[in-house]
Structures are given as structure tokens and as C-alpha cells.
Amino acid sequence: DEEGEGGLGRNDRKHAYKTSGIGDSHILSHIHFLYQRTLRKFGHPLDVLLNYAQFSKEHKSFKQLGRVYAEGLQRHPREAGLWIEAASFEYFGHVADDHEDGEEVNSKVVGSSIRNARVLMQRGLRVNGASQDLWLQYFALELHYVQKLRGRREILEEGAPASSSSSAEEEGSRDDKEEAQPKGKMPSALLPSQIIYKNAIRAVPDDVRFRLRFVDACRSFPRTERLQEHVMDTVARDFGTSVEGWVARISQSEEEWRRETSEQGSGGEGASGFLGRSDEGSEDDGDSEDCRPAKQARVESESKTSTNDPALALLGEALETLPTPKMYLEGSRFLCLRIRRILGDGVGGEDEDDATYLIGEGEDAEGAAQRHSQLLEELYEAAREKGIYSTKLTLDQVDFLLSAGRLMEAEELLSNAVAAPVEASDARLWLRWSEISQLVTEAGAASEATAPRPSSSPTRILRRALERTPIHDRWSRTTISTELMRHLM
């Protein structure tokens, strides 16, 4: 007999995963019997049900697995995860048999039914209409089915004989017509997913993050750009007066721009498979010095860069539409985050380390950071002219000035802020002012006698803060008193 590396012959390895005797089959049957008695005795607890389902999968007891899911859904209809697992089992099917064909092992998948999976998801949504996970999984199920049909069509076209080439061309032209439909019209293949999304936002109407999860789901599938545009259009329509809606749109625009720029730099064509996107080759773009423009000051192309930046354009529109302290605060933090990423301060994840898409044509990292710093100063100035104040916005501006080494401007800003009636009683401003006043004093003592001096000493600032802070504000008075005692001692 022909022997393998493990000492087993070819015939022995062929069905090595199967039971090898009557005793092994009896052991499996006995374990199933124990699980069933445990479920009946203790009222079908969820953890035992899930454990039993996993055991049935591992040992290919698929008939029993279907019964487990059926009993589990009867006992726990409010568990969205059970509905999702049962629908996934119905759609993806199970491996009925493995056999060797030469050096390859072929698997036969049976039981795959989109109809049964749809029925289960719809029943689950009737019981759990507000379950976000169920809506998202039902949405992804239809996208899986679309990719499955497209894959079948591609395989049939590749293996079609010459006589049927005309019919294959007709199928391909039909697919191209769907992709080339006018803007605003959804391709027919994506209509079921669009309907599911429409019903989902009707069931969960006031959660913008829920809608963005549909965009993330679309990114796992190729040729879903129209669907992503539709989702973002509904966000703009329903959350036009919401700061969260604008922030979501700006973040989405930023992410799309980064992806497009990285794909253009890598020369790839984007995703071509069923589930994933191919990002290979985009990691090295912009990492070497040869890929970056030569160091220059800010150039005439700066306005061109700002115009081509969709996130900055949306930010400007948001500030005009919704001129509130919260919107200006989000805008300032967005620009600060960009500056830190350009300068490489280690913010963001692994996929966001490459900030070359933020560097305009004809400028280097320092020039791009200066351009964003100017935009940030213009934002703060616009807020001041419109009379938009908040403690957080002021403290963020102080941090920005300190990062630029402009101590005196930060000290002046805080002295003006505490003079305003709205912010006078906020202890954070007083404490920050006393801290910066101490920094200015120490800087003046370490330099020449002509160095600038603070407008007031830390102790005087803290005494004034105690006078302006209401007695009922215990936390503020305690914090200010503690800091004052530290300075006096």
C-alpha cells in the first residue's frame, strides 16, 4: 500500500474525518442524547443551546443542528443572534461529503437556500423589529446573494462554448447597462437591499451611527457605490440640522477620499472578489521620501487643494448651516486631528498612518500642516465674530496656541474669556489661566528682564475665581481652593 507522511495509506486518509467504528458512532449518539436531556430538564438554556449547536457543527450532525436551531428559536425568540445563526446555516448550507480527486479534496455543499434564509430573517424582524443587528445582517444577506449570482454568471460566461458567446455577451451588456444607469437610479440587483435599508431606518429612525453601519457593510462588497450614496443621501436629508449627522457625513467623505487616493496611488482597480477589497500595494505609497514632493513653503496650489478636499467643503457647509458652539467645536477638533496626523503624532490606527492624501500638490508635510493651521485660526476667528462661545472651544483654542508656542496669546485669550458673563463662573477657565500665568512667569524668569509678563499672578487669578464662583458649586470651589493653597504654600 502507498503510505503517506503520517503512516496512513491513501484509502485510510480519504475518509479520515469520519467515524471508524460502531463504538465511535455510539459515543456521538450518546452525547447527543445527553444534550437533549439537559435541554429538556433545564428549560433549554441559551448557553447550552449554543454549545450544542457548535458541537453539531464540529461533528457534521447537520440534521440535528437544524432541530437545535428550531427548538432554540421557539424558546428564545428575542435572541437576535439565534435568528442570524439559523439564517446563516440555511443560506451557506453545509458540507455533505469530502472526497479526493487526485491531489485535491473536493467538498459538496448542500442545503443552501436563500428562500429559507429570507423567511427566517423576516420572522426574526417581526419579533425583534428594533434589532439593529438583524437589519444589518438581512441587508448583508441580500448583498451576499447578489455577489453569488454575479459569480455564477462569470463562471458560466468563462465556460460557455462558442455557439453561446452571443448570449454571454448579452448578459454582460445587461450587467454593464445596470452599472451605467443614470445617477440617482439604483441598479436592479441592489433594489432588495435598498428596500431593506428603507424599512430599517423606518424602524430605527433617529440613530445616525446605525445608518453608517450600512455603509461599512457595503464596503465589504464590490460595486455597491450607488447604495452607499443612497445611504449618505438619507443621512443628509434626515440629519441636516444635527451635529452628529454633519460629523458623520464629514467622516464618511474623509474616508472615501482617503480610499480613492490610496487606490489611485497603488494603481489597483479596487475590489474584485465576493467579500473583500484588495488593498495590496497601497501600504508603501508615500512612505519613502522619493514619493513625497520636495520641501517647499505654501504655494499657489493651496487653493486648489482646499477646493478638491470634499471633507473641508462639507465642513464649511456645516458651519454655515449650523453655526452652533458644538459644530464649531467638532470642526476645530477635526482640523486639529488632521494636523496631528500630518505631523505624524501617532494618532489613528494602522490603516490611517498614511496621511499623504492630506498633502497638496507642490507642498510638503510642514506646508500642509501650516495650511490646516491657518484654516483652524480662521475657524476660531469666525466663531469670535459670530459671538459663538463655549468653554470647550476656548480651551481647545488655548491648546492650539500652546502647541504653536504662543503663550502670551493663550494668556490673553483666557483673560478675555473669563471676563465674559457666560463663562465667568467656569472653574476650568480660571484654573487654565492660572496655569498659563505660571508658565509665563517661569519663562520670563529664565530669560532676559525685558521678557513679557503675565497680566496677573496665579494667586490673584485664583482669588478672583473664588469670588466669581457660586457657593453651591462645591466641586469648582474645592478645586480652586486646593490649587490656591498649593500656590500659597
Protein backbone atom coordinates (compact mmCIF):
# COMPACT_ATOMS: atom_id res chain seq x y z
CA ASP A 1 0.00 0.00 0.00
CA GLU A 2 1.05 3.56 -0.71
CA GLU A 3 1.98 5.22 2.58
CA GLY A 4 1.78 8.98 3.45
CA GLU A 5 3.76 11.08 5.86
CA GLY A 6 1.51 10.18 8.78
CA GLY A 7 1.72 6.43 8.20
CA LEU A 8 -1.78 6.17 6.72
CA GLY A 9 -2.50 4.86 3.28
CA ARG A 10 -4.44 6.83 0.71
CA ASN A 11 -7.64 4.91 1.36
CA ASP A 12 -7.26 5.49 5.10
CA ARG A 13 -6.75 9.25 4.63
CA LYS A 14 -9.69 9.52 2.25
CA HIS A 15 -12.33 9.44 4.97
CA ALA A 16 -10.16 10.15 7.97
CA TYR A 17 -12.65 12.65 9.36
CA LYS A 18 -15.44 10.03 9.58
CA THR A 19 -16.11 7.68 12.46
CA SER A 20 -14.08 4.49 12.22
CA GLY A 21 -16.33 2.06 14.06
CA ILE A 22 -19.61 1.25 15.75
CA GLY A 23 -18.25 2.41 19.10
CA ASP A 24 -17.45 5.92 17.82
CA SER A 25 -20.93 6.30 16.35
CA HIS A 26 -22.44 5.18 19.63
CA ILE A 27 -20.39 7.78 21.54
CA LEU A 28 -21.70 10.60 19.32
CA SER A 29 -25.27 9.38 19.69
CA HIS A 30 -24.84 9.24 23.44
CA ILE A 31 -23.52 12.83 23.55
CA HIS A 32 -26.50 13.99 21.50
CA PHE A 33 -28.78 12.18 23.93
CA LEU A 34 -27.12 13.90 26.91
CA TYR A 35 -27.52 17.32 25.31
CA GLN A 36 -31.20 16.68 24.58
CA ARG A 37 -31.92 15.51 28.14
CA THR A 38 -30.09 18.55 29.55
CA LEU A 39 -32.14 20.92 27.39
CA ARG A 40 -35.44 19.30 28.38
CA LYS A 41 -34.59 19.16 32.07
CA PHE A 42 -33.35 22.75 32.45
CA GLY A 43 -35.73 24.54 30.08
CA HIS A 44 -33.44 24.96 27.04
CA PRO A 45 -30.89 27.43 28.50
CA LEU A 46 -29.29 29.59 25.84
CA ASP A 47 -25.66 28.76 26.64
CA VAL A 48 -26.34 25.01 26.38
CA LEU A 49 -28.20 25.51 23.11
CA LEU A 50 -25.26 27.40 21.58
CA ASN A 51 -22.83 24.79 22.87
CA TYR A 52 -24.94 22.02 21.38
CA ALA A 53 -25.11 23.83 18.04
CA GLN A 54 -21.32 24.20 17.98
CA PHE A 55 -20.87 20.51 18.80
CA SER A 56 -23.23 19.54 15.96
CA LYS A 57 -21.27 21.70 13.51
CA GLU A 58 -17.93 20.22 14.52
CA HIS A 59 -19.17 16.64 14.11
CA LYS A 60 -21.23 17.32 10.95
CA SER A 61 -24.55 16.45 12.57
CA PHE A 62 -26.43 18.85 10.34
CA LYS A 63 -29.88 17.32 10.64
CA GLN A 64 -29.62 17.59 14.39
CA LEU A 65 -28.29 21.14 14.04
CA GLY A 66 -31.46 22.19 12.22
CA ARG A 67 -33.55 20.82 15.08
CA VAL A 68 -31.39 22.64 17.62
CA TYR A 69 -31.98 25.96 15.89
CA ALA A 70 -35.71 25.28 15.59
CA GLU A 71 -36.06 24.49 19.30
CA GLY A 72 -33.86 27.43 20.25
CA LEU A 73 -35.94 29.91 18.25
CA GLN A 74 -39.14 28.60 19.81
CA ARG A 75 -37.73 29.04 23.32
CA HIS A 76 -35.72 32.26 22.75
CA PRO A 77 -37.45 34.28 20.00
CA ARG A 78 -35.97 37.54 21.36
CA GLU A 79 -32.38 36.45 20.81
CA ALA A 80 -31.31 38.13 17.55
CA GLY A 81 -28.11 36.11 17.42
CA LEU A 82 -30.03 32.83 17.15
CA TRP A 83 -32.04 34.10 14.19
CA ILE A 84 -28.83 35.23 12.48
CA GLU A 85 -27.06 31.91 13.05
CA ALA A 86 -30.05 29.90 11.83
CA ALA A 87 -30.39 32.04 8.70
CA SER A 88 -26.67 31.78 8.04
CA PHE A 89 -26.90 27.98 8.30
CA GLU A 90 -29.80 27.93 5.82
CA TYR A 91 -28.05 30.21 3.32
CA PHE A 92 -24.48 28.90 3.35
CA GLY A 93 -25.58 25.27 3.69
CA HIS A 94 -23.26 22.53 4.93
CA VAL A 95 -20.57 20.24 3.55
CA ALA A 96 -22.28 16.93 2.85
CA ASP A 97 -19.22 14.97 1.72
CA ASP A 98 -15.49 15.32 1.10
CA HIS A 99 -13.67 13.20 -1.44
CA GLU A 100 -10.23 13.21 -3.03
CA ASP A 101 -9.77 13.90 -6.72
CA GLY A 102 -6.11 13.30 -7.36
CA GLU A 103 -4.25 15.68 -5.05
CA GLU A 104 -7.29 17.94 -4.42
CA VAL A 105 -10.04 17.49 -1.83
CA ASN A 106 -13.46 18.43 -3.20
CA SER A 107 -16.38 19.39 -0.98
CA LYS A 108 -20.02 19.06 -1.84
CA VAL A 109 -22.16 21.80 -0.27
CA VAL A 110 -25.87 21.11 0.04
CA GLY A 111 -28.82 22.74 1.76
CA SER A 112 -28.06 26.29 0.62
CA SER A 113 -31.40 28.11 0.35
CA ILE A 114 -31.79 31.87 0.06
CA ARG A 115 -35.55 31.41 0.39
CA ASN A 116 -35.33 29.73 3.80
CA ALA A 117 -32.78 32.28 4.98
CA ARG A 118 -35.06 35.15 3.98
CA VAL A 119 -38.01 33.56 5.77
CA LEU A 120 -36.01 33.22 8.98
CA MET A 121 -34.73 36.81 8.85
CA GLN A 122 -38.21 38.17 8.18
CA ARG A 123 -39.71 36.19 11.05
CA GLY A 124 -36.94 37.40 13.34
CA LEU A 125 -37.63 41.01 12.35
CA ARG A 126 -41.35 40.61 13.04
CA VAL A 127 -40.49 39.66 16.61
CA ASN A 128 -37.47 41.98 17.02
CA GLY A 129 -38.32 44.93 14.82
CA ALA A 130 -35.88 47.29 16.56
CA SER A 131 -32.88 44.94 16.45
CA GLN A 132 -30.11 46.73 14.58
CA ASP A 133 -28.04 43.57 14.15
CA LEU A 134 -30.92 41.74 12.46
CA TRP A 135 -31.49 44.57 10.00
CA LEU A 136 -27.79 44.77 9.16
CA GLN A 137 -27.47 41.01 8.70
CA TYR A 138 -30.55 40.87 6.48
CA PHE A 139 -29.07 43.71 4.43
CA ALA A 140 -25.76 41.82 4.13
CA LEU A 141 -27.59 38.60 3.23
CA GLU A 142 -29.06 40.19 0.11
CA LEU A 143 -25.65 41.58 -0.86
CA HIS A 144 -24.17 38.09 -0.44
CA TYR A 145 -26.83 36.72 -2.77
CA VAL A 146 -26.14 39.40 -5.39
CA GLN A 147 -22.43 38.53 -5.39
CA LYS A 148 -23.30 34.84 -5.61
CA LEU A 149 -25.39 35.42 -8.74
CA ARG A 150 -22.66 37.58 -10.27
CA GLY A 151 -20.10 34.86 -9.57
CA ARG A 152 -22.28 32.23 -11.21
CA ARG A 153 -22.69 34.42 -14.27
CA GLU A 154 -18.94 34.95 -14.57
CA ILE A 155 -18.25 31.22 -14.28
CA LEU A 156 -20.87 30.38 -16.90
CA GLU A 157 -19.52 33.00 -19.28
CA GLU A 158 -15.97 31.68 -18.92
CA GLY A 159 -17.04 28.10 -19.66
CA ALA A 160 -19.59 28.94 -22.38
CA PRO A 161 -18.99 27.35 -25.85
CA ALA A 162 -18.52 29.47 -28.93
CA SER A 163 -22.14 28.96 -30.03
CA SER A 164 -23.38 30.60 -26.83
CA SER A 165 -20.95 33.53 -26.90
CA SER A 166 -23.69 35.84 -28.14
CA SER A 167 -25.89 35.06 -25.13
CA ALA A 168 -22.91 35.62 -22.81
CA GLU A 169 -22.30 38.99 -24.44
CA GLU A 170 -25.96 39.87 -23.91
CA GLU A 171 -25.67 39.01 -20.21
CA GLY A 172 -22.50 41.09 -19.92
CA SER A 173 -24.06 44.04 -21.72
CA ARG A 174 -27.08 43.81 -19.41
CA ASP A 175 -24.76 43.98 -16.40
CA ASP A 176 -22.93 46.95 -17.91
CA LYS A 177 -26.24 48.74 -18.54
CA GLU A 178 -27.18 48.29 -14.89
CA GLU A 179 -23.87 49.78 -13.78
CA ALA A 180 -24.16 52.65 -16.27
CA GLN A 181 -27.62 53.75 -15.21
CA PRO A 182 -28.10 57.48 -14.65
CA LYS A 183 -27.16 58.90 -11.28
CA GLY A 184 -29.94 58.60 -8.73
CA LYS A 185 -31.31 55.33 -10.11
CA MET A 186 -30.42 52.17 -8.23
CA PRO A 187 -29.27 49.07 -10.17
CA SER A 188 -31.97 46.41 -10.14
CA ALA A 189 -29.68 43.91 -8.40
CA LEU A 190 -29.39 46.22 -5.39
CA LEU A 191 -33.09 47.06 -5.08
CA PRO A 192 -33.80 44.39 -2.40
CA SER A 193 -31.01 45.79 -0.23
CA GLN A 194 -32.34 49.31 -0.74
CA ILE A 195 -35.82 48.22 0.36
CA ILE A 196 -34.39 46.55 3.47
CA TYR A 197 -32.47 49.72 4.33
CA LYS A 198 -35.60 51.81 3.86
CA ASN A 199 -37.55 49.62 6.30
CA ALA A 200 -34.61 49.56 8.72
CA ILE A 201 -34.40 53.35 9.06
CA ARG A 202 -38.18 53.42 9.45
CA ALA A 203 -37.85 51.04 12.41
CA VAL A 204 -34.80 52.86 13.86
CA PRO A 205 -35.19 56.47 12.65
CA ASP A 206 -33.02 58.58 14.97
CA ASP A 207 -29.65 56.79 15.04
CA VAL A 208 -27.11 58.15 12.58
CA ARG A 209 -24.47 55.63 13.63
CA PHE A 210 -26.86 52.83 12.71
CA ARG A 211 -27.05 54.18 9.16
CA LEU A 212 -23.27 54.43 8.89
CA ARG A 213 -23.01 50.73 9.72
CA PHE A 214 -24.84 50.05 6.44
CA VAL A 215 -22.09 51.96 4.63
CA ASP A 216 -19.47 49.80 6.34
CA ALA A 217 -21.40 46.71 5.25
CA CYS A 218 -21.46 47.93 1.65
CA ARG A 219 -17.70 48.35 1.65
CA SER A 220 -17.31 44.59 2.10
CA PHE A 221 -18.89 44.02 -1.33
CA PRO A 222 -17.83 45.27 -4.78
CA ARG A 223 -19.98 47.52 -6.97
CA THR A 224 -22.12 48.94 -4.17
CA GLU A 225 -21.19 52.61 -4.64
CA ARG A 226 -24.75 53.59 -5.61
CA LEU A 227 -26.07 52.02 -2.43
CA GLN A 228 -23.52 53.89 -0.32
CA GLU A 229 -24.53 57.16 -1.98
CA HIS A 230 -28.17 56.43 -1.22
CA VAL A 231 -27.39 55.83 2.48
CA MET A 232 -25.44 59.08 2.76
CA ASP A 233 -28.23 60.97 0.95
CA THR A 234 -30.70 59.82 3.61
CA VAL A 235 -28.28 60.95 6.33
CA ALA A 236 -28.08 64.40 4.73
CA ARG A 237 -31.86 64.54 4.35
CA ASP A 238 -32.84 63.40 7.85
CA PHE A 239 -29.95 64.83 9.90
CA GLY A 240 -29.38 68.16 8.16
CA THR A 241 -29.87 70.09 11.42
CA SER A 242 -27.97 67.62 13.60
CA VAL A 243 -24.32 67.99 14.55
CA GLU A 244 -23.98 64.21 14.63
CA GLY A 245 -25.30 63.98 11.08
CA TRP A 246 -22.81 66.52 9.76
CA VAL A 247 -19.93 64.88 11.62
CA ALA A 248 -20.92 61.51 10.15
CA ARG A 249 -21.02 62.93 6.63
CA ILE A 250 -17.65 64.65 7.04
CA SER A 251 -16.03 61.48 8.41
CA GLN A 252 -17.53 59.42 5.60
CA SER A 253 -16.29 61.88 2.98
CA GLU A 254 -12.82 61.85 4.54
CA GLU A 255 -12.70 58.06 4.48
CA GLU A 256 -13.86 57.82 0.86
CA TRP A 257 -11.32 60.43 -0.23
CA ARG A 258 -8.53 58.55 1.57
CA ARG A 259 -9.54 55.25 -0.09
CA GLU A 260 -9.75 56.79 -3.55
CA THR A 261 -6.38 58.47 -3.17
CA SER A 262 -4.69 55.28 -1.91
CA GLU A 263 -6.22 53.21 -4.75
CA GLN A 264 -5.05 55.72 -7.36
CA GLY A 265 -1.58 55.75 -5.87
CA SER A 266 -1.36 51.95 -5.87
CA GLY A 267 -2.69 51.62 -9.41
CA GLY A 268 -5.22 48.99 -8.32
CA GLU A 269 -8.75 48.54 -9.58
CA GLY A 270 -10.35 48.08 -6.19
CA ALA A 271 -12.28 45.04 -5.07
CA SER A 272 -12.81 42.16 -7.45
CA GLY A 273 -13.89 39.31 -5.16
CA PHE A 274 -17.10 38.46 -3.37
CA LEU A 275 -16.44 39.84 0.08
CA GLY A 276 -13.13 41.68 0.33
CA ARG A 277 -11.32 44.60 -1.19
CA SER A 278 -7.80 44.33 -2.49
CA ASP A 279 -5.64 46.97 -0.86
CA GLU A 280 -2.33 45.39 -1.74
CA GLY A 281 0.33 47.76 -2.87
CA SER A 282 -1.10 50.80 -1.15
CA GLU A 283 0.90 50.50 2.05
CA ASP A 284 4.18 51.72 0.59
CA ASP A 285 2.74 54.77 -1.13
CA GLY A 286 4.04 57.95 0.38
CA ASP A 287 6.23 56.23 2.97
CA SER A 288 9.53 56.88 1.22
CA GLU A 289 10.98 60.31 0.75
CA ASP A 290 11.12 59.88 -3.04
CA CYS A 291 7.32 59.65 -3.21
CA ARG A 292 6.76 62.96 -1.48
CA PRO A 293 7.12 66.39 -3.09
CA ALA A 294 10.20 68.41 -2.33
CA LYS A 295 10.06 70.66 0.69
CA GLN A 296 8.55 74.00 -0.18
CA ALA A 297 6.65 76.75 1.51
CA ARG A 298 2.95 77.19 0.88
CA VAL A 299 2.38 77.58 -2.84
CA GLU A 300 -0.32 78.74 -5.22
CA SER A 301 -1.82 75.26 -5.44
CA GLU A 302 -3.10 75.63 -1.89
CA SER A 303 -6.48 76.91 -3.00
CA LYS A 304 -6.71 74.09 -5.50
CA THR A 305 -6.06 71.55 -2.73
CA SER A 306 -8.73 73.05 -0.50
CA THR A 307 -11.23 73.02 -3.36
CA ASN A 308 -10.57 69.34 -4.12
CA ASP A 309 -10.92 68.33 -0.46
CA PRO A 310 -14.51 67.06 -0.07
CA ALA A 311 -14.30 66.87 3.73
CA LEU A 312 -13.24 70.52 4.05
CA ALA A 313 -16.00 71.55 1.66
CA LEU A 314 -18.57 69.72 3.79
CA LEU A 315 -17.11 71.26 6.95
CA GLY A 316 -17.55 74.77 5.54
CA GLU A 317 -21.13 73.96 4.55
CA ALA A 318 -21.83 72.56 8.03
CA LEU A 319 -20.51 75.69 9.76
CA GLU A 320 -22.71 77.89 7.57
CA THR A 321 -25.81 75.73 8.01
CA LEU A 322 -25.40 75.04 11.71
CA PRO A 323 -23.41 77.87 13.40
CA THR A 324 -23.51 76.47 16.95
CA PRO A 325 -20.74 76.06 19.56
CA LYS A 326 -20.92 72.28 19.26
CA MET A 327 -20.49 72.36 15.48
CA TYR A 328 -17.54 74.74 15.70
CA LEU A 329 -16.02 72.54 18.40
CA GLU A 330 -16.31 69.45 16.19
CA GLY A 331 -14.81 71.39 13.28
CA SER A 332 -11.84 72.55 15.33
CA ARG A 333 -11.17 69.04 16.60
CA PHE A 334 -11.38 67.66 13.08
CA LEU A 335 -8.73 70.11 11.86
CA CYS A 336 -6.54 69.51 14.93
CA LEU A 337 -6.69 65.77 14.29
CA ARG A 338 -5.61 66.33 10.69
CA ILE A 339 -2.65 68.46 11.78
CA ARG A 340 -1.51 65.77 14.19
CA ARG A 341 -1.80 63.09 11.53
CA ILE A 342 0.15 65.15 9.00
CA LEU A 343 2.94 65.75 11.51
CA GLY A 344 2.92 62.06 12.45
CA ASP A 345 1.99 62.25 16.12
CA GLY A 346 0.84 58.63 16.16
CA VAL A 347 -2.94 59.17 16.06
CA GLY A 348 -5.26 56.81 14.19
CA GLY A 349 -4.97 53.12 13.51
CA GLU A 350 -2.73 51.18 11.18
CA ASP A 351 -4.87 51.99 8.15
CA GLU A 352 -4.73 55.71 8.89
CA ASP A 353 -0.97 56.09 9.33
CA ASP A 354 -0.52 57.25 5.74
CA ALA A 355 -1.57 60.92 5.63
CA THR A 356 -0.15 61.69 2.18
CA TYR A 357 -3.64 62.29 0.82
CA LEU A 358 -3.80 65.40 3.05
CA ILE A 359 -0.65 66.86 1.47
CA GLY A 360 -1.47 69.01 -1.52
CA GLU A 361 0.24 69.22 -4.84
CA GLY A 362 3.53 71.08 -4.54
CA GLU A 363 3.75 71.13 -0.75
CA ASP A 364 5.38 69.03 1.93
CA ALA A 365 4.08 67.86 5.32
CA GLU A 366 5.09 71.10 7.02
CA GLY A 367 3.30 73.18 4.40
CA ALA A 368 0.15 71.06 4.70
CA ALA A 369 0.21 71.46 8.48
CA GLN A 370 0.58 75.25 8.11
CA ARG A 371 -2.34 75.34 5.69
CA HIS A 372 -4.57 73.45 8.14
CA SER A 373 -3.37 75.67 10.99
CA GLN A 374 -4.47 78.73 9.04
CA LEU A 375 -7.85 77.12 8.42
CA LEU A 376 -8.14 76.45 12.15
CA GLU A 377 -7.31 80.07 13.02
CA GLU A 378 -9.93 81.23 10.51
CA LEU A 379 -12.47 78.95 12.19
CA TYR A 380 -11.73 80.41 15.63
CA GLU A 381 -11.90 83.94 14.22
CA ALA A 382 -15.23 83.24 12.54
CA ALA A 383 -16.61 81.89 15.82
CA ARG A 384 -15.47 85.05 17.63
CA GLU A 385 -17.03 87.36 15.03
CA LYS A 386 -20.35 85.49 15.22
CA GLY A 387 -20.38 85.58 19.01
CA ILE A 388 -20.10 81.79 19.38
CA TYR A 389 -18.54 80.90 22.72
CA SER A 390 -18.13 77.75 24.78
CA THR A 391 -15.70 76.62 27.42
CA LYS A 392 -14.56 73.60 25.45
CA LEU A 393 -14.00 75.65 22.29
CA THR A 394 -11.93 78.19 24.25
CA LEU A 395 -9.82 75.50 25.91
CA ASP A 396 -9.21 73.81 22.55
CA GLN A 397 -8.05 77.12 21.10
CA VAL A 398 -5.72 77.60 24.08
CA ASP A 399 -4.21 74.14 23.47
CA PHE A 400 -3.69 75.03 19.83
CA LEU A 401 -1.91 78.28 20.73
CA LEU A 402 0.29 76.50 23.27
CA SER A 403 1.26 73.85 20.71
CA ALA A 404 2.41 76.70 18.47
CA GLY A 405 4.42 78.28 21.31
CA ARG A 406 2.19 81.36 21.58
CA LEU A 407 1.98 81.65 25.35
CA MET A 408 1.02 85.31 25.56
CA GLU A 409 -1.83 84.93 23.07
CA ALA A 410 -3.18 81.99 25.06
CA GLU A 411 -2.96 84.01 28.28
CA GLU A 412 -4.76 86.95 26.68
CA LEU A 413 -7.47 84.69 25.28
CA LEU A 414 -8.24 83.25 28.71
CA SER A 415 -8.24 86.65 30.41
CA ASN A 416 -10.82 87.85 27.88
CA ALA A 417 -12.85 84.64 28.21
CA VAL A 418 -13.31 84.88 31.98
CA ALA A 419 -14.45 88.48 31.55
CA ALA A 420 -17.46 87.30 29.56
CA PRO A 421 -20.58 86.85 31.75
CA VAL A 422 -21.39 83.45 30.25
CA GLU A 423 -18.04 81.84 31.03
CA ALA A 424 -17.06 83.74 34.17
CA SER A 425 -18.13 81.03 36.61
CA ASP A 426 -16.45 78.09 34.84
CA ALA A 427 -13.61 76.88 37.05
CA ARG A 428 -11.78 75.20 34.15
CA LEU A 429 -11.03 78.56 32.54
CA TRP A 430 -9.71 80.08 35.75
CA LEU A 431 -7.53 77.07 36.53
CA ARG A 432 -6.14 77.02 33.00
CA TRP A 433 -5.43 80.75 33.17
CA SER A 434 -3.53 80.40 36.43
CA GLU A 435 -1.51 77.52 34.95
CA ILE A 436 -0.52 79.52 31.87
CA SER A 437 0.23 82.57 34.00
CA GLN A 438 2.68 80.43 35.98
CA LEU A 439 4.28 79.24 32.73
CA VAL A 440 4.70 82.82 31.50
CA THR A 441 6.24 83.83 34.83
CA GLU A 442 8.73 80.97 34.75
CA ALA A 443 9.63 81.71 31.12
CA GLY A 444 10.24 85.37 31.98
CA ALA A 445 12.43 84.48 34.98
CA ALA A 446 14.57 82.17 32.84
CA SER A 447 15.12 84.79 30.11
CA GLU A 448 16.00 88.46 29.98
CA ALA A 449 14.34 91.08 32.13
CA THR A 450 12.55 92.51 29.10
CA ALA A 451 10.59 89.28 28.61
CA PRO A 452 6.76 89.64 28.60
CA ARG A 453 4.98 89.28 31.88
CA PRO A 454 1.52 87.83 32.62
CA SER A 455 -1.42 90.17 33.11
CA SER A 456 -1.98 88.75 36.58
CA SER A 457 -0.29 86.38 39.02
CA PRO A 458 -1.65 82.85 39.65
CA THR A 459 -2.71 83.65 43.22
CA ARG A 460 -4.65 86.77 42.19
CA ILE A 461 -6.33 84.80 39.41
CA LEU A 462 -7.43 82.07 41.82
CA ARG A 463 -8.68 84.58 44.41
CA ARG A 464 -10.79 86.27 41.73
CA ALA A 465 -12.04 82.84 40.69
CA LEU A 466 -13.28 82.14 44.22
CA GLU A 467 -15.14 85.44 44.22
CA ARG A 468 -16.84 84.69 40.90
CA THR A 469 -17.68 81.04 41.61
CA PRO A 470 -21.12 80.37 43.18
CA ILE A 471 -21.13 78.82 46.64
CA HIS A 472 -23.38 75.94 45.56
CA ASP A 473 -20.75 74.80 43.04
CA ARG A 474 -18.84 72.65 45.51
CA TRP A 475 -16.53 70.89 43.05
CA SER A 476 -15.33 74.16 41.49
CA ARG A 477 -14.76 75.91 44.80
CA THR A 478 -12.94 72.91 46.26
CA THR A 479 -10.68 72.57 43.22
CA ILE A 480 -9.87 76.28 43.10
CA SER A 481 -9.22 76.42 46.85
CA THR A 482 -6.89 73.42 46.66
CA GLU A 483 -4.92 74.99 43.84
CA LEU A 484 -4.74 78.34 45.64
CA MET A 485 -3.45 76.63 48.79
CA ARG A 486 -0.76 74.90 46.75
CA HIS A 487 0.45 78.22 45.35
CA LEU A 488 0.43 79.91 48.77
CA MET A 489 2.41 77.11 50.36
